[in-house]
C-alpha atoms as a PDB file:
ATOM      1  CA  UNK A   1       0.000   0.000   0.000  1.00  0.00           C
ATOM      2  CA  UNK A   2       1.085   3.574  -0.578  1.00  0.00           C
ATOM      3  CA  UNK A   3       0.159   6.952   0.810  1.00  0.00           C
ATOM      4  CA  UNK A   4      -1.449   9.561  -1.433  1.00  0.00           C
ATOM      5  CA  UNK A   5      -0.066  12.943  -0.389  1.00  0.00           C
ATOM      6  CA  UNK A   6      -2.903  15.277   0.589  1.00  0.00           C
ATOM      7  CA  UNK A   7      -1.933  18.757  -0.548  1.00  0.00           C
ATOM      8  CA  UNK A   8      -5.009  20.567  -1.869  1.00  0.00           C
ATOM      9  CA  UNK A   9      -8.598  21.468  -1.150  1.00  0.00           C
ATOM     10  CA  UNK A  10      -9.534  19.869  -4.493  1.00  0.00           C
ATOM     11  CA  UNK A  11      -8.389  16.512  -3.098  1.00  0.00           C
ATOM     12  CA  UNK A  12     -10.626  17.033  -0.046  1.00  0.00           C
ATOM     13  CA  UNK A  13     -13.548  17.624  -2.386  1.00  0.00           C
ATOM     14  CA  UNK A  14     -12.732  14.403  -4.218  1.00  0.00           C
ATOM     15  CA  UNK A  15     -12.604  12.450  -0.951  1.00  0.00           C
ATOM     16  CA  UNK A  16     -15.999  13.860   0.046  1.00  0.00           C
ATOM     17  CA  UNK A  17     -17.471  12.770  -3.316  1.00  0.00           C
ATOM     18  CA  UNK A  18     -15.798   9.359  -3.416  1.00  0.00           C
ATOM     19  CA  UNK A  19     -17.936   6.250  -2.973  1.00  0.00           C
ATOM     20  CA  UNK A  20     -16.632   3.653  -0.551  1.00  0.00           C
ATOM     21  CA  UNK A  21     -13.894   4.092   2.022  1.00  0.00           C
ATOM     22  CA  UNK A  22     -10.936   6.420   2.333  1.00  0.00           C
ATOM     23  CA  UNK A  23      -8.509   7.012   5.174  1.00  0.00           C
ATOM     24  CA  UNK A  24      -6.965  10.353   6.051  1.00  0.00           C
ATOM     25  CA  UNK A  25      -3.912  10.197   8.315  1.00  0.00           C
ATOM     26  CA  UNK A  26      -2.919  13.566   9.765  1.00  0.00           C
ATOM     27  CA  UNK A  27       0.702  13.535  10.832  1.00  0.00           C
ATOM     28  CA  UNK A  28       3.012  15.992  12.541  1.00  0.00           C
ATOM     29  CA  UNK A  29       6.559  15.482  11.311  1.00  0.00           C
ATOM     30  CA  UNK A  30       7.832  17.164  14.510  1.00  0.00           C
ATOM     31  CA  UNK A  31       6.117  14.819  16.957  1.00  0.00           C
ATOM     32  CA  UNK A  32       7.560  11.502  18.140  1.00  0.00           C
ATOM     33  CA  UNK A  33       4.106  10.228  19.168  1.00  0.00           C
ATOM     34  CA  UNK A  34       2.863  10.913  15.650  1.00  0.00           C
ATOM     35  CA  UNK A  35       5.876   9.079  14.197  1.00  0.00           C
ATOM     36  CA  UNK A  36       5.181   6.033  16.385  1.00  0.00           C
ATOM     37  CA  UNK A  37       1.457   5.997  15.520  1.00  0.00           C
ATOM     38  CA  UNK A  38       2.258   6.206  11.796  1.00  0.00           C
ATOM     39  CA  UNK A  39       4.866   3.444  12.009  1.00  0.00           C
ATOM     40  CA  UNK A  40       2.525   1.158  13.975  1.00  0.00           C
ATOM     41  CA  UNK A  41      -0.287   1.767  11.473  1.00  0.00           C
ATOM     42  CA  UNK A  42       1.993   1.037   8.503  1.00  0.00           C
ATOM     43  CA  UNK A  43       3.166  -2.248  10.067  1.00  0.00           C
ATOM     44  CA  UNK A  44      -0.415  -3.570   9.984  1.00  0.00           C
ATOM     45  CA  UNK A  45      -1.898  -1.834   6.936  1.00  0.00           C
ATOM     46  CA  UNK A  46      -1.485  -4.866   4.666  1.00  0.00           C
ATOM     47  CA  UNK A  47      -4.666  -6.247   6.261  1.00  0.00           C
ATOM     48  CA  UNK A  48      -6.736  -3.260   5.022  1.00  0.00           C
ATOM     49  CA  UNK A  49      -8.898  -3.783   1.918  1.00  0.00           C
ATOM     50  CA  UNK A  50      -6.888  -3.204  -1.275  1.00  0.00           C
ATOM     51  CA  UNK A  51      -9.414  -0.738  -2.686  1.00  0.00           C
ATOM     52  CA  UNK A  52      -9.183   1.735   0.197  1.00  0.00           C
ATOM     53  CA  UNK A  53      -7.516   5.076  -0.565  1.00  0.00           C
ATOM     54  CA  UNK A  54      -4.895   6.147   1.988  1.00  0.00           C
ATOM     55  CA  UNK A  55      -4.319   9.894   2.221  1.00  0.00           C
ATOM     56  CA  UNK A  56      -1.422  11.359   4.190  1.00  0.00           C
ATOM     57  CA  UNK A  57      -1.433  14.942   5.421  1.00  0.00           C
ATOM     58  CA  UNK A  58       1.769  16.595   6.625  1.00  0.00           C
ATOM     59  CA  UNK A  59       0.022  19.076   8.866  1.00  0.00           C
ATOM     60  CA  UNK A  60       3.145  21.150   9.440  1.00  0.00           C
ATOM     61  CA  UNK A  61       3.221  21.990   5.715  1.00  0.00           C
ATOM     62  CA  UNK A  62      -0.546  22.044   5.227  1.00  0.00           C
ATOM     63  CA  UNK A  63      -2.029  23.311   8.488  1.00  0.00           C
ATOM     64  CA  UNK A  64      -4.885  25.055   6.661  1.00  0.00           C
ATOM     65  CA  UNK A  65      -5.931  21.720   5.132  1.00  0.00           C
ATOM     66  CA  UNK A  66      -6.009  20.180   8.588  1.00  0.00           C
ATOM     67  CA  UNK A  67      -8.419  22.889   9.717  1.00  0.00           C
ATOM     68  CA  UNK A  68     -10.545  22.347   6.614  1.00  0.00           C
ATOM     69  CA  UNK A  69     -10.625  18.584   7.260  1.00  0.00           C
ATOM     70  CA  UNK A  70     -11.907  19.233  10.789  1.00  0.00           C
ATOM     71  CA  UNK A  71     -14.625  21.514   9.427  1.00  0.00           C
ATOM     72  CA  UNK A  72     -15.622  19.376   6.427  1.00  0.00           C
ATOM     73  CA  UNK A  73     -15.806  16.093   8.326  1.00  0.00           C
ATOM     74  CA  UNK A  74     -17.057  17.577  11.632  1.00  0.00           C
ATOM     75  CA  UNK A  75     -14.234  16.330  13.831  1.00  0.00           C
ATOM     76  CA  UNK A  76     -12.035  17.987  16.412  1.00  0.00           C
ATOM     77  CA  UNK A  77      -8.448  18.549  15.220  1.00  0.00           C
ATOM     78  CA  UNK A  78      -5.943  16.088  16.696  1.00  0.00           C
ATOM     79  CA  UNK A  79      -2.417  15.075  15.804  1.00  0.00           C
ATOM     80  CA  UNK A  80      -1.789  12.362  14.979  1.00  0.00           C
ATOM     81  CA  UNK A  81      -5.270  11.554  13.755  1.00  0.00           C
ATOM     82  CA  UNK A  82      -6.840   8.929  11.535  1.00  0.00           C
ATOM     83  CA  UNK A  83     -10.219   9.483   9.919  1.00  0.00           C
ATOM     84  CA  UNK A  84     -12.141   6.727   8.182  1.00  0.00           C
ATOM     85  CA  UNK A  85     -14.386   8.282   5.548  1.00  0.00           C
ATOM     86  CA  UNK A  86     -17.275   6.365   3.977  1.00  0.00           C
ATOM     87  CA  UNK A  87     -19.226   7.937   1.127  1.00  0.00           C
ATOM     88  CA  UNK A  88     -18.072  11.408   2.175  1.00  0.00           C
ATOM     89  CA  UNK A  89     -18.802  11.085   5.907  1.00  0.00           C
ATOM     90  CA  UNK A  90     -16.377  10.452   8.754  1.00  0.00           C
ATOM     91  CA  UNK A  91     -17.436   7.228  10.486  1.00  0.00           C
ATOM     92  CA  UNK A  92     -14.338   6.750  12.655  1.00  0.00           C
ATOM     93  CA  UNK A  93     -12.025   9.269  14.292  1.00  0.00           C
ATOM     94  CA  UNK A  94      -8.923   7.919  16.065  1.00  0.00           C
ATOM     95  CA  UNK A  95      -6.055   9.830  17.602  1.00  0.00           C
ATOM     96  CA  UNK A  96      -2.729   9.210  19.302  1.00  0.00           C
ATOM     97  CA  UNK A  97      -2.421   5.695  20.786  1.00  0.00           C
ATOM     98  CA  UNK A  98      -5.958   4.778  19.728  1.00  0.00           C
ATOM     99  CA  UNK A  99      -4.977   4.658  16.042  1.00  0.00           C
ATOM    100  CA  UNK A 100      -5.187   1.036  14.932  1.00  0.00           C
ATOM    101  CA  UNK A 101      -5.725  -0.923  11.760  1.00  0.00           C
ATOM    102  CA  UNK A 102      -7.751  -3.489  13.720  1.00  0.00           C
ATOM    103  CA  UNK A 103     -10.369  -0.958  14.838  1.00  0.00           C
ATOM    104  CA  UNK A 104     -10.423   0.573  11.375  1.00  0.00           C
ATOM    105  CA  UNK A 105     -11.150  -2.826   9.829  1.00  0.00           C
ATOM    106  CA  UNK A 106     -13.882  -3.532  12.366  1.00  0.00           C
ATOM    107  CA  UNK A 107     -15.534  -0.234  11.381  1.00  0.00           C
ATOM    108  CA  UNK A 108     -15.483  -1.276   7.734  1.00  0.00           C
ATOM    109  CA  UNK A 109     -17.303  -4.468   8.620  1.00  0.00           C
END
């Protein structure tokens, strides 16, 4: 699996319009907790469905996108944070040590 770099508001619009599931991972490149959460997620991500889109946001570079994500998907900003989006709606919001592939998969059903 590979990350799709999230760098524009147009991409957010596409995620909101996309049918099925997408994941947005908001990551602070300056935070060791964020690094550990990302690494732990990547170790297990092979068990995610192959058709799921994985978006990665460097929120140091794109802080305004992080704010827009919080507004668009009606979640509180966290870092690190994983959002599971289904048909344009956030159905799972995980942050810090709660980020897990297992819980994400259980939310997909």
